[in-house]
Amino acid sequence: MAPDQDAENAAKMRVVAVVIIVTMFVWLGVQWLGGKLGLSFAFAFAFDLAALGAFFWALVMTYQIWRGRQDK
């Protein structure tokens, strides 16, 4: 694998890691804040769906990086 491809994969992996970490902390914070403020379940459900979307995106990106490394 070329050095520039390694650097590109490393950058993609860092973005995926940041998305996972930020999503987890935001989701936990919204769940905690929603419980403290008594927000509706629809509000919490919307953030649950957004978190699931972010985690799914991270999973797809991880799979693409893995497949790209396997093909080389």
N, C-alpha and C. Protein backbone atom coordinates (compact mmCIF):
# COMPACT_ATOMS: atom_id res chain seq x y z
N MET A 1 0.85 -1.18 0.00
CA MET A 1 0.00 0.00 0.00
C MET A 1 0.89 1.23 0.00
N ALA A 2 0.55 2.19 -0.79
CA ALA A 2 1.35 3.41 -0.94
C ALA A 2 1.27 4.25 0.33
N PRO A 3 2.33 4.99 0.63
CA PRO A 3 2.33 5.84 1.83
C PRO A 3 1.20 6.86 1.83
N ASP A 4 0.86 7.41 0.66
CA ASP A 4 -0.23 8.39 0.62
C ASP A 4 -1.57 7.72 0.90
N GLN A 5 -1.73 6.47 0.50
CA GLN A 5 -2.96 5.73 0.78
C GLN A 5 -3.05 5.42 2.28
N ASP A 6 -1.91 5.10 2.90
CA ASP A 6 -1.89 4.87 4.35
C ASP A 6 -2.30 6.13 5.10
N ALA A 7 -1.78 7.27 4.67
CA ALA A 7 -2.12 8.54 5.32
C ALA A 7 -3.60 8.86 5.13
N GLU A 8 -4.13 8.57 3.95
CA GLU A 8 -5.55 8.81 3.70
C GLU A 8 -6.42 7.91 4.57
N ASN A 9 -6.04 6.64 4.69
CA ASN A 9 -6.79 5.72 5.55
C ASN A 9 -6.71 6.14 7.01
N ALA A 10 -5.54 6.59 7.44
CA ALA A 10 -5.38 7.04 8.82
C ALA A 10 -6.28 8.25 9.11
N ALA A 11 -6.35 9.16 8.16
CA ALA A 11 -7.23 10.33 8.33
C ALA A 11 -8.69 9.92 8.41
N LYS A 12 -9.09 8.98 7.56
CA LYS A 12 -10.47 8.49 7.59
C LYS A 12 -10.77 7.80 8.92
N MET A 13 -9.82 7.03 9.42
CA MET A 13 -10.03 6.34 10.69
C MET A 13 -10.14 7.33 11.84
N ARG A 14 -9.37 8.40 11.79
CA ARG A 14 -9.47 9.43 12.83
C ARG A 14 -10.84 10.10 12.80
N VAL A 15 -11.35 10.39 11.61
CA VAL A 15 -12.68 10.99 11.49
C VAL A 15 -13.74 10.05 12.05
N VAL A 16 -13.63 8.76 11.73
CA VAL A 16 -14.59 7.78 12.25
C VAL A 16 -14.52 7.74 13.77
N ALA A 17 -13.33 7.74 14.33
CA ALA A 17 -13.18 7.71 15.79
C ALA A 17 -13.79 8.94 16.44
N VAL A 18 -13.56 10.10 15.86
CA VAL A 18 -14.12 11.34 16.42
C VAL A 18 -15.64 11.31 16.34
N VAL A 19 -16.19 10.84 15.24
CA VAL A 19 -17.65 10.76 15.10
C VAL A 19 -18.23 9.83 16.16
N ILE A 20 -17.61 8.69 16.39
CA ILE A 20 -18.12 7.75 17.40
C ILE A 20 -18.07 8.37 18.79
N ILE A 21 -16.95 8.98 19.13
CA ILE A 21 -16.80 9.56 20.47
C ILE A 21 -17.77 10.72 20.69
N VAL A 22 -17.84 11.63 19.73
CA VAL A 22 -18.73 12.80 19.87
C VAL A 22 -20.19 12.35 19.92
N THR A 23 -20.54 11.40 19.07
CA THR A 23 -21.92 10.90 19.06
C THR A 23 -22.29 10.30 20.40
N MET A 24 -21.39 9.51 20.97
CA MET A 24 -21.68 8.86 22.25
C MET A 24 -21.88 9.90 23.36
N PHE A 25 -20.97 10.87 23.42
CA PHE A 25 -21.09 11.87 24.48
C PHE A 25 -22.33 12.76 24.30
N VAL A 26 -22.63 13.14 23.08
CA VAL A 26 -23.81 13.97 22.83
C VAL A 26 -25.07 13.17 23.15
N TRP A 27 -25.10 11.92 22.74
CA TRP A 27 -26.28 11.08 23.00
C TRP A 27 -26.48 10.90 24.51
N LEU A 28 -25.41 10.59 25.23
CA LEU A 28 -25.53 10.44 26.69
C LEU A 28 -25.96 11.75 27.35
N GLY A 29 -25.39 12.86 26.88
CA GLY A 29 -25.77 14.15 27.45
C GLY A 29 -27.23 14.50 27.20
N VAL A 30 -27.71 14.22 26.01
CA VAL A 30 -29.11 14.51 25.69
C VAL A 30 -30.04 13.61 26.52
N GLN A 31 -29.67 12.37 26.68
CA GLN A 31 -30.49 11.46 27.49
C GLN A 31 -30.55 11.93 28.94
N TRP A 32 -29.41 12.33 29.47
CA TRP A 32 -29.38 12.80 30.84
C TRP A 32 -30.15 14.12 30.99
N LEU A 33 -29.90 15.04 30.07
CA LEU A 33 -30.57 16.34 30.13
C LEU A 33 -32.08 16.19 29.91
N GLY A 34 -32.46 15.31 29.01
CA GLY A 34 -33.89 15.08 28.78
C GLY A 34 -34.59 14.55 30.01
N GLY A 35 -33.92 13.68 30.75
CA GLY A 35 -34.49 13.17 31.99
C GLY A 35 -34.60 14.24 33.05
N LYS A 36 -33.61 15.10 33.14
CA LYS A 36 -33.62 16.17 34.15
C LYS A 36 -34.66 17.24 33.84
N LEU A 37 -34.84 17.55 32.55
CA LEU A 37 -35.77 18.60 32.16
C LEU A 37 -37.17 18.08 31.87
N GLY A 38 -37.32 16.77 31.85
CA GLY A 38 -38.63 16.19 31.57
C GLY A 38 -39.08 16.38 30.13
N LEU A 39 -38.14 16.30 29.19
CA LEU A 39 -38.48 16.47 27.79
C LEU A 39 -39.27 15.26 27.29
N SER A 40 -39.98 15.44 26.21
CA SER A 40 -40.84 14.38 25.70
C SER A 40 -40.02 13.22 25.12
N PHE A 41 -40.69 12.07 25.02
CA PHE A 41 -40.03 10.90 24.47
C PHE A 41 -39.73 11.08 22.99
N ALA A 42 -40.52 11.87 22.30
CA ALA A 42 -40.27 12.12 20.88
C ALA A 42 -38.93 12.83 20.69
N PHE A 43 -38.60 13.74 21.58
CA PHE A 43 -37.32 14.43 21.53
C PHE A 43 -36.17 13.45 21.73
N ALA A 44 -36.30 12.59 22.73
CA ALA A 44 -35.26 11.59 22.99
C ALA A 44 -35.17 10.60 21.82
N PHE A 45 -36.30 10.22 21.26
CA PHE A 45 -36.31 9.28 20.15
C PHE A 45 -35.63 9.87 18.92
N ALA A 46 -35.82 11.16 18.69
CA ALA A 46 -35.17 11.81 17.56
C ALA A 46 -33.65 11.76 17.71
N PHE A 47 -33.15 12.00 18.91
CA PHE A 47 -31.72 11.92 19.13
C PHE A 47 -31.22 10.48 19.07
N ASP A 48 -32.06 9.53 19.49
CA ASP A 48 -31.69 8.11 19.34
C ASP A 48 -31.50 7.77 17.87
N LEU A 49 -32.41 8.22 17.03
CA LEU A 49 -32.30 7.94 15.60
C LEU A 49 -31.07 8.63 14.98
N ALA A 50 -30.81 9.85 15.42
CA ALA A 50 -29.63 10.55 14.91
C ALA A 50 -28.34 9.83 15.32
N ALA A 51 -28.30 9.34 16.56
CA ALA A 51 -27.12 8.60 17.02
C ALA A 51 -26.98 7.29 16.26
N LEU A 52 -28.07 6.61 16.02
CA LEU A 52 -28.02 5.37 15.23
C LEU A 52 -27.50 5.65 13.82
N GLY A 53 -27.94 6.75 13.23
CA GLY A 53 -27.46 7.13 11.90
C GLY A 53 -25.96 7.39 11.90
N ALA A 54 -25.47 8.08 12.92
CA ALA A 54 -24.04 8.36 13.00
C ALA A 54 -23.24 7.08 13.21
N PHE A 55 -23.73 6.19 14.06
CA PHE A 55 -23.04 4.92 14.28
C PHE A 55 -23.06 4.05 13.04
N PHE A 56 -24.16 4.07 12.31
CA PHE A 56 -24.23 3.29 11.07
C PHE A 56 -23.24 3.85 10.05
N TRP A 57 -23.17 5.17 9.94
CA TRP A 57 -22.20 5.79 9.02
C TRP A 57 -20.78 5.36 9.40
N ALA A 58 -20.46 5.38 10.70
CA ALA A 58 -19.13 4.98 11.16
C ALA A 58 -18.86 3.51 10.82
N LEU A 59 -19.88 2.67 10.97
CA LEU A 59 -19.71 1.26 10.62
C LEU A 59 -19.45 1.07 9.13
N VAL A 60 -20.19 1.78 8.30
CA VAL A 60 -20.00 1.68 6.85
C VAL A 60 -18.62 2.19 6.46
N MET A 61 -18.19 3.30 7.03
CA MET A 61 -16.87 3.83 6.72
C MET A 61 -15.77 2.87 7.17
N THR A 62 -15.92 2.28 8.34
CA THR A 62 -14.94 1.31 8.82
C THR A 62 -14.86 0.12 7.89
N TYR A 63 -16.01 -0.35 7.44
CA TYR A 63 -16.04 -1.47 6.51
C TYR A 63 -15.36 -1.10 5.19
N GLN A 64 -15.61 0.10 4.69
CA GLN A 64 -14.98 0.53 3.45
C GLN A 64 -13.47 0.63 3.60
N ILE A 65 -12.99 1.14 4.71
CA ILE A 65 -11.55 1.22 4.95
C ILE A 65 -10.96 -0.18 5.01
N TRP A 66 -11.62 -1.06 5.72
CA TRP A 66 -11.14 -2.44 5.85
C TRP A 66 -11.09 -3.13 4.49
N ARG A 67 -12.16 -2.98 3.69
CA ARG A 67 -12.18 -3.61 2.37
C ARG A 67 -11.11 -3.02 1.46
N GLY A 68 -10.89 -1.73 1.56
CA GLY A 68 -9.85 -1.09 0.77
C GLY A 68 -8.47 -1.63 1.11
N ARG A 69 -8.25 -1.88 2.38
CA ARG A 69 -6.95 -2.44 2.79
C ARG A 69 -6.82 -3.90 2.36
N GLN A 70 -7.93 -4.63 2.33
CA GLN A 70 -7.89 -6.04 1.92
C GLN A 70 -7.64 -6.17 0.43
N ASP A 71 -8.14 -5.24 -0.35
CA ASP A 71 -7.99 -5.30 -1.80
C ASP A 71 -6.58 -4.99 -2.27
N LYS A 72 -5.82 -4.28 -1.47
CA LYS A 72 -4.46 -3.87 -1.88
C LYS A 72 -3.47 -4.99 -1.67
